[in-house]
Amino acid sequence: MVMGFSIALIVFSLLLMLLVLMHKGKGGGLSDMFGGGMQSSVGGSSVAERNLDRITLVVGLLWFACIVVLGIMMKLD
């Protein structure tokens, strides 16, 4: 059981890193240093960006839940 949650944690960690890197820079910070601030945004967020935000939030919550479950399982062993 612990092994399954450990594998899920690794998968969610890699997926979360990929999703965060896919986000468009909002200005300021390191994204401007690499050219992310050169693009001007017209209007609000597109549907794809909002869906990416939602997917990132869900994967982040699943990542957090895996950490909590693994911590409880390790404590009980």
PDB file of N, CA and C in Angstrom:
ATOM      1  N   MET A   1       0.824  -1.192   0.000  1.00  0.00           N
ATOM      2  CA  MET A   1       0.000   0.000   0.000  1.00  0.00           C
ATOM      3  C   MET A   1       0.868   1.256   0.000  1.00  0.00           C
ATOM      4  N   VAL A   2       1.923   1.222   0.822  1.00  0.00           N
ATOM      5  CA  VAL A   2       2.827   2.366   0.878  1.00  0.00           C
ATOM      6  C   VAL A   2       3.526   2.539  -0.462  1.00  0.00           C
ATOM      7  N   MET A   3       3.883   1.435  -1.082  1.00  0.00           N
ATOM      8  CA  MET A   3       4.565   1.488  -2.378  1.00  0.00           C
ATOM      9  C   MET A   3       3.668   2.131  -3.431  1.00  0.00           C
ATOM     10  N   GLY A   4       2.393   1.803  -3.418  1.00  0.00           N
ATOM     11  CA  GLY A   4       1.453   2.395  -4.380  1.00  0.00           C
ATOM     12  C   GLY A   4       1.331   3.891  -4.227  1.00  0.00           C
ATOM     13  N   PHE A   5       1.224   4.354  -2.970  1.00  0.00           N
ATOM     14  CA  PHE A   5       1.133   5.791  -2.735  1.00  0.00           C
ATOM     15  C   PHE A   5       2.453   6.491  -3.040  1.00  0.00           C
ATOM     16  N   SER A   6       3.572   5.797  -2.844  1.00  0.00           N
ATOM     17  CA  SER A   6       4.873   6.381  -3.182  1.00  0.00           C
ATOM     18  C   SER A   6       5.011   6.565  -4.686  1.00  0.00           C
ATOM     19  N   ILE A   7       4.563   5.582  -5.443  1.00  0.00           N
ATOM     20  CA  ILE A   7       4.599   5.701  -6.898  1.00  0.00           C
ATOM     21  C   ILE A   7       3.656   6.803  -7.365  1.00  0.00           C
ATOM     22  N   ALA A   8       2.459   6.871  -6.761  1.00  0.00           N
ATOM     23  CA  ALA A   8       1.512   7.931  -7.110  1.00  0.00           C
ATOM     24  C   ALA A   8       2.090   9.302  -6.790  1.00  0.00           C
ATOM     25  N   LEU A   9       2.808   9.417  -5.683  1.00  0.00           N
ATOM     26  CA  LEU A   9       3.426  10.691  -5.309  1.00  0.00           C
ATOM     27  C   LEU A   9       4.477  11.109  -6.326  1.00  0.00           C
ATOM     28  N   ILE A  10       5.260  10.170  -6.802  1.00  0.00           N
ATOM     29  CA  ILE A  10       6.278  10.482  -7.819  1.00  0.00           C
ATOM     30  C   ILE A  10       5.610  10.939  -9.112  1.00  0.00           C
ATOM     31  N   VAL A  11       4.560  10.230  -9.521  1.00  0.00           N
ATOM     32  CA  VAL A  11       3.855  10.587 -10.757  1.00  0.00           C
ATOM     33  C   VAL A  11       3.216  11.963 -10.622  1.00  0.00           C
ATOM     34  N   PHE A  12       2.537  12.226  -9.488  1.00  0.00           N
ATOM     35  CA  PHE A  12       1.902  13.526  -9.291  1.00  0.00           C
ATOM     36  C   PHE A  12       2.938  14.644  -9.197  1.00  0.00           C
ATOM     37  N   SER A  13       4.101  14.359  -8.623  1.00  0.00           N
ATOM     38  CA  SER A  13       5.157  15.366  -8.534  1.00  0.00           C
ATOM     39  C   SER A  13       5.664  15.752  -9.914  1.00  0.00           C
ATOM     40  N   LEU A  14       5.914  14.770 -10.750  1.00  0.00           N
ATOM     41  CA  LEU A  14       6.391  15.057 -12.104  1.00  0.00           C
ATOM     42  C   LEU A  14       5.327  15.781 -12.925  1.00  0.00           C
ATOM     43  N   LEU A  15       4.083  15.344 -12.784  1.00  0.00           N
ATOM     44  CA  LEU A  15       2.989  15.984 -13.503  1.00  0.00           C
ATOM     45  C   LEU A  15       2.794  17.423 -13.040  1.00  0.00           C
ATOM     46  N   LEU A  16       2.915  17.649 -11.740  1.00  0.00           N
ATOM     47  CA  LEU A  16       2.757  19.000 -11.205  1.00  0.00           C
ATOM     48  C   LEU A  16       3.864  19.930 -11.703  1.00  0.00           C
ATOM     49  N   MET A  17       5.089  19.422 -11.770  1.00  0.00           N
ATOM     50  CA  MET A  17       6.190  20.239 -12.302  1.00  0.00           C
ATOM     51  C   MET A  17       5.924  20.605 -13.752  1.00  0.00           C
ATOM     52  N   LEU A  18       5.469  19.643 -14.534  1.00  0.00           N
ATOM     53  CA  LEU A  18       5.178  19.897 -15.941  1.00  0.00           C
ATOM     54  C   LEU A  18       4.062  20.925 -16.094  1.00  0.00           C
ATOM     55  N   LEU A  19       3.008  20.793 -15.308  1.00  0.00           N
ATOM     56  CA  LEU A  19       1.884  21.719 -15.403  1.00  0.00           C
ATOM     57  C   LEU A  19       2.270  23.134 -14.990  1.00  0.00           C
ATOM     58  N   VAL A  20       3.077  23.264 -13.954  1.00  0.00           N
ATOM     59  CA  VAL A  20       3.506  24.591 -13.511  1.00  0.00           C
ATOM     60  C   VAL A  20       4.386  25.248 -14.568  1.00  0.00           C
ATOM     61  N   LEU A  21       5.241  24.462 -15.204  1.00  0.00           N
ATOM     62  CA  LEU A  21       6.107  25.016 -16.246  1.00  0.00           C
ATOM     63  C   LEU A  21       5.320  25.406 -17.501  1.00  0.00           C
ATOM     64  N   MET A  22       4.160  24.822 -17.698  1.00  0.00           N
ATOM     65  CA  MET A  22       3.348  25.156 -18.870  1.00  0.00           C
ATOM     66  C   MET A  22       2.604  26.478 -18.713  1.00  0.00           C
ATOM     67  N   HIS A  23       2.466  26.983 -17.482  1.00  0.00           N
ATOM     68  CA  HIS A  23       1.747  28.237 -17.263  1.00  0.00           C
ATOM     69  C   HIS A  23       2.470  29.403 -17.911  1.00  0.00           C
ATOM     70  N   LYS A  24       1.680  30.344 -18.384  1.00  0.00           N
ATOM     71  CA  LYS A  24       2.232  31.550 -18.968  1.00  0.00           C
ATOM     72  C   LYS A  24       2.647  32.487 -17.846  1.00  0.00           C
ATOM     73  N   GLY A  25       3.759  33.172 -18.028  1.00  0.00           N
ATOM     74  CA  GLY A  25       4.230  34.111 -17.018  1.00  0.00           C
ATOM     75  C   GLY A  25       3.266  35.264 -16.847  1.00  0.00           C
ATOM     76  N   LYS A  26       3.044  35.672 -15.617  1.00  0.00           N
ATOM     77  CA  LYS A  26       2.115  36.760 -15.330  1.00  0.00           C
ATOM     78  C   LYS A  26       2.830  38.106 -15.209  1.00  0.00           C
ATOM     79  N   GLY A  27       4.132  38.127 -15.404  1.00  0.00           N
ATOM     80  CA  GLY A  27       4.882  39.371 -15.281  1.00  0.00           C
ATOM     81  C   GLY A  27       5.622  39.402 -13.965  1.00  0.00           C
ATOM     82  N   GLY A  28       6.829  39.920 -13.984  1.00  0.00           N
ATOM     83  CA  GLY A  28       7.635  39.954 -12.776  1.00  0.00           C
ATOM     84  C   GLY A  28       8.235  38.593 -12.500  1.00  0.00           C
ATOM     85  N   GLY A  29       9.317  38.576 -11.796  1.00  0.00           N
ATOM     86  CA  GLY A  29       9.920  37.314 -11.423  1.00  0.00           C
ATOM     87  C   GLY A  29      10.797  36.734 -12.510  1.00  0.00           C
ATOM     88  N   LEU A  30      11.027  35.451 -12.439  1.00  0.00           N
ATOM     89  CA  LEU A  30      11.945  34.786 -13.344  1.00  0.00           C
ATOM     90  C   LEU A  30      11.409  34.641 -14.761  1.00  0.00           C
ATOM     91  N   SER A  31      10.091  34.677 -14.934  1.00  0.00           N
ATOM     92  CA  SER A  31       9.548  34.510 -16.284  1.00  0.00           C
ATOM     93  C   SER A  31       9.940  35.678 -17.180  1.00  0.00           C
ATOM     94  N   ASP A  32      10.074  36.886 -16.627  1.00  0.00           N
ATOM     95  CA  ASP A  32      10.517  38.027 -17.418  1.00  0.00           C
ATOM     96  C   ASP A  32      11.967  37.879 -17.843  1.00  0.00           C
ATOM     97  N   MET A  33      12.774  37.248 -17.021  1.00  0.00           N
ATOM     98  CA  MET A  33      14.189  37.102 -17.320  1.00  0.00           C
ATOM     99  C   MET A  33      14.400  36.267 -18.577  1.00  0.00           C
ATOM    100  N   PHE A  34      13.524  35.309 -18.821  1.00  0.00           N
ATOM    101  CA  PHE A  34      13.677  34.412 -19.954  1.00  0.00           C
ATOM    102  C   PHE A  34      12.767  34.780 -21.120  1.00  0.00           C
ATOM    103  N   GLY A  35      12.243  36.001 -21.139  1.00  0.00           N
ATOM    104  CA  GLY A  35      11.445  36.450 -22.275  1.00  0.00           C
ATOM    105  C   GLY A  35       9.957  36.250 -22.124  1.00  0.00           C
ATOM    106  N   GLY A  36       9.498  35.802 -20.981  1.00  0.00           N
ATOM    107  CA  GLY A  36       8.062  35.595 -20.791  1.00  0.00           C
ATOM    108  C   GLY A  36       7.286  36.884 -20.679  1.00  0.00           C
ATOM    109  N   GLY A  37       7.946  37.967 -20.278  1.00  0.00           N
ATOM    110  CA  GLY A  37       7.261  39.242 -20.103  1.00  0.00           C
ATOM    111  C   GLY A  37       7.136  40.037 -21.379  1.00  0.00           C
ATOM    112  N   MET A  38       7.723  39.587 -22.476  1.00  0.00           N
ATOM    113  CA  MET A  38       7.686  40.332 -23.728  1.00  0.00           C
ATOM    114  C   MET A  38       6.330  40.217 -24.417  1.00  0.00           C
ATOM    115  N   GLN A  39       5.576  39.193 -24.112  1.00  0.00           N
ATOM    116  CA  GLN A  39       4.294  38.990 -24.756  1.00  0.00           C
ATOM    117  C   GLN A  39       3.241  39.805 -24.034  1.00  0.00           C
ATOM    118  N   SER A  40       2.435  40.510 -24.788  1.00  0.00           N
ATOM    119  CA  SER A  40       1.366  41.292 -24.169  1.00  0.00           C
ATOM    120  C   SER A  40       0.094  40.451 -24.166  1.00  0.00           C
ATOM    121  N   SER A  41      -0.606  40.506 -23.061  1.00  0.00           N
ATOM    122  CA  SER A  41      -1.847  39.737 -22.976  1.00  0.00           C
ATOM    123  C   SER A  41      -3.005  40.646 -23.345  1.00  0.00           C
ATOM    124  N   VAL A  42      -3.841  40.199 -24.256  1.00  0.00           N
ATOM    125  CA  VAL A  42      -5.000  40.953 -24.687  1.00  0.00           C
ATOM    126  C   VAL A  42      -6.213  40.342 -24.003  1.00  0.00           C
ATOM    127  N   GLY A  43      -6.842  41.101 -23.143  1.00  0.00           N
ATOM    128  CA  GLY A  43      -8.024  40.600 -22.463  1.00  0.00           C
ATOM    129  C   GLY A  43      -7.677  39.677 -21.312  1.00  0.00           C
ATOM    130  N   GLY A  44      -8.624  38.844 -20.934  1.00  0.00           N
ATOM    131  CA  GLY A  44      -8.446  37.951 -19.804  1.00  0.00           C
ATOM    132  C   GLY A  44      -7.829  36.629 -20.212  1.00  0.00           C
ATOM    133  N   SER A  45      -7.997  35.684 -19.352  1.00  0.00           N
ATOM    134  CA  SER A  45      -7.436  34.352 -19.593  1.00  0.00           C
ATOM    135  C   SER A  45      -8.254  33.608 -20.638  1.00  0.00           C
ATOM    136  N   SER A  46      -7.587  32.826 -21.425  1.00  0.00           N
ATOM    137  CA  SER A  46      -8.294  32.012 -22.400  1.00  0.00           C
ATOM    138  C   SER A  46      -8.854  30.773 -21.709  1.00  0.00           C
ATOM    139  N   VAL A  47      -9.665  30.047 -22.420  1.00  0.00           N
ATOM    140  CA  VAL A  47     -10.265  28.830 -21.872  1.00  0.00           C
ATOM    141  C   VAL A  47      -9.178  27.804 -21.557  1.00  0.00           C
ATOM    142  N   ALA A  48      -8.179  27.716 -22.427  1.00  0.00           N
ATOM    143  CA  ALA A  48      -7.102  26.749 -22.204  1.00  0.00           C
ATOM    144  C   ALA A  48      -6.331  27.072 -20.932  1.00  0.00           C
ATOM    145  N   GLU A  49      -6.080  28.353 -20.670  1.00  0.00           N
ATOM    146  CA  GLU A  49      -5.359  28.740 -19.454  1.00  0.00           C
ATOM    147  C   GLU A  49      -6.176  28.444 -18.207  1.00  0.00           C
ATOM    148  N   ARG A  50      -7.472  28.711 -18.276  1.00  0.00           N
ATOM    149  CA  ARG A  50      -8.326  28.412 -17.123  1.00  0.00           C
ATOM    150  C   ARG A  50      -8.395  26.910 -16.862  1.00  0.00           C
ATOM    151  N   ASN A  51      -8.471  26.113 -17.932  1.00  0.00           N
ATOM    152  CA  ASN A  51      -8.477  24.660 -17.755  1.00  0.00           C
ATOM    153  C   ASN A  51      -7.144  24.182 -17.197  1.00  0.00           C
ATOM    154  N   LEU A  52      -6.042  24.774 -17.654  1.00  0.00           N
ATOM    155  CA  LEU A  52      -4.728  24.428 -17.120  1.00  0.00           C
ATOM    156  C   LEU A  52      -4.647  24.774 -15.632  1.00  0.00           C
ATOM    157  N   ASP A  53      -5.227  25.909 -15.249  1.00  0.00           N
ATOM    158  CA  ASP A  53      -5.267  26.282 -13.828  1.00  0.00           C
ATOM    159  C   ASP A  53      -6.049  25.257 -13.016  1.00  0.00           C
ATOM    160  N   ARG A  54      -7.186  24.834 -13.539  1.00  0.00           N
ATOM    161  CA  ARG A  54      -8.021  23.853 -12.823  1.00  0.00           C
ATOM    162  C   ARG A  54      -7.311  22.507 -12.697  1.00  0.00           C
ATOM    163  N   ILE A  55      -6.687  22.063 -13.791  1.00  0.00           N
ATOM    164  CA  ILE A  55      -5.977  20.781 -13.761  1.00  0.00           C
ATOM    165  C   ILE A  55      -4.815  20.842 -12.777  1.00  0.00           C
ATOM    166  N   THR A  56      -4.099  21.977 -12.768  1.00  0.00           N
ATOM    167  CA  THR A  56      -2.982  22.143 -11.845  1.00  0.00           C
ATOM    168  C   THR A  56      -3.464  22.110 -10.403  1.00  0.00           C
ATOM    169  N   LEU A  57      -4.588  22.742 -10.135  1.00  0.00           N
ATOM    170  CA  LEU A  57      -5.147  22.740  -8.783  1.00  0.00           C
ATOM    171  C   LEU A  57      -5.536  21.331  -8.352  1.00  0.00           C
ATOM    172  N   VAL A  58      -6.176  20.579  -9.221  1.00  0.00           N
ATOM    173  CA  VAL A  58      -6.593  19.209  -8.883  1.00  0.00           C
ATOM    174  C   VAL A  58      -5.377  18.317  -8.635  1.00  0.00           C
ATOM    175  N   VAL A  59      -4.370  18.423  -9.512  1.00  0.00           N
ATOM    176  CA  VAL A  59      -3.167  17.605  -9.339  1.00  0.00           C
ATOM    177  C   VAL A  59      -2.438  18.011  -8.063  1.00  0.00           C
ATOM    178  N   GLY A  60      -2.419  19.299  -7.744  1.00  0.00           N
ATOM    179  CA  GLY A  60      -1.802  19.761  -6.499  1.00  0.00           C
ATOM    180  C   GLY A  60      -2.514  19.225  -5.265  1.00  0.00           C
ATOM    181  N   LEU A  61      -3.834  19.190  -5.316  1.00  0.00           N
ATOM    182  CA  LEU A  61      -4.591  18.634  -4.189  1.00  0.00           C
ATOM    183  C   LEU A  61      -4.361  17.131  -4.050  1.00  0.00           C
ATOM    184  N   LEU A  62      -4.293  16.427  -5.178  1.00  0.00           N
ATOM    185  CA  LEU A  62      -4.005  14.989  -5.124  1.00  0.00           C
ATOM    186  C   LEU A  62      -2.590  14.733  -4.591  1.00  0.00           C
ATOM    187  N   TRP A  63      -1.644  15.572  -4.984  1.00  0.00           N
ATOM    188  CA  TRP A  63      -0.262  15.477  -4.487  1.00  0.00           C
ATOM    189  C   TRP A  63      -0.237  15.666  -2.967  1.00  0.00           C
ATOM    190  N   PHE A  64      -0.958  16.680  -2.495  1.00  0.00           N
ATOM    191  CA  PHE A  64      -1.023  16.948  -1.054  1.00  0.00           C
ATOM    192  C   PHE A  64      -1.686  15.792  -0.313  1.00  0.00           C
ATOM    193  N   ALA A  65      -2.757  15.251  -0.879  1.00  0.00           N
ATOM    194  CA  ALA A  65      -3.450  14.122  -0.243  1.00  0.00           C
ATOM    195  C   ALA A  65      -2.533  12.904  -0.158  1.00  0.00           C
ATOM    196  N   CYS A  66      -1.735  12.662  -1.197  1.00  0.00           N
ATOM    197  CA  CYS A  66      -0.781  11.536  -1.160  1.00  0.00           C
ATOM    198  C   CYS A  66       0.230  11.720  -0.034  1.00  0.00           C
ATOM    199  N   ILE A  67       0.711  12.935   0.138  1.00  0.00           N
ATOM    200  CA  ILE A  67       1.683  13.197   1.204  1.00  0.00           C
ATOM    201  C   ILE A  67       1.060  12.956   2.579  1.00  0.00           C
ATOM    202  N   VAL A  68      -0.173  13.429   2.752  1.00  0.00           N
ATOM    203  CA  VAL A  68      -0.843  13.247   4.050  1.00  0.00           C
ATOM    204  C   VAL A  68      -1.080  11.758   4.314  1.00  0.00           C
ATOM    205  N   VAL A  69      -1.572  11.029   3.317  1.00  0.00           N
ATOM    206  CA  VAL A  69      -1.851   9.596   3.494  1.00  0.00           C
ATOM    207  C   VAL A  69      -0.553   8.839   3.769  1.00  0.00           C
ATOM    208  N   LEU A  70       0.511   9.164   3.034  1.00  0.00           N
ATOM    209  CA  LEU A  70       1.787   8.492   3.278  1.00  0.00           C
ATOM    210  C   LEU A  70       2.311   8.786   4.681  1.00  0.00           C
ATOM    211  N   GLY A  71       2.145  10.020   5.127  1.00  0.00           N
ATOM    212  CA  GLY A  71       2.585  10.369   6.483  1.00  0.00           C
ATOM    213  C   GLY A  71       1.823   9.598   7.543  1.00  0.00           C
ATOM    214  N   ILE A  72       0.515   9.476   7.361  1.00  0.00           N
ATOM    215  CA  ILE A  72      -0.301   8.725   8.327  1.00  0.00           C
ATOM    216  C   ILE A  72       0.057   7.255   8.293  1.00  0.00           C
ATOM    217  N   MET A  73       0.242   6.707   7.100  1.00  0.00           N
ATOM    218  CA  MET A  73       0.585   5.281   6.987  1.00  0.00           C
ATOM    219  C   MET A  73       1.951   4.979   7.594  1.00  0.00           C
ATOM    220  N   MET A  74       2.907   5.856   7.389  1.00  0.00           N
ATOM    221  CA  MET A  74       4.237   5.649   7.948  1.00  0.00           C
ATOM    222  C   MET A  74       4.226   5.781   9.474  1.00  0.00           C
ATOM    223  N   LYS A  75       3.382   6.689   9.975  1.00  0.00           N
ATOM    224  CA  LYS A  75       3.295   6.870  11.413  1.00  0.00           C
ATOM    225  C   LYS A  75       2.666   5.653  12.087  1.00  0.00           C
ATOM    226  N   LEU A  76       1.702   5.022  11.423  1.00  0.00           N
ATOM    227  CA  LEU A  76       1.007   3.879  12.004  1.00  0.00           C
ATOM    228  C   LEU A  76       1.820   2.594  11.920  1.00  0.00           C
ATOM    229  N   ASP A  77       2.801   2.541  11.034  1.00  0.00           N
ATOM    230  CA  ASP A  77       3.630   1.328  10.910  1.00  0.00           C
ATOM    231  C   ASP A  77       4.652   1.205  11.990  1.00  0.00           C
TER     232      ASP A  77
END
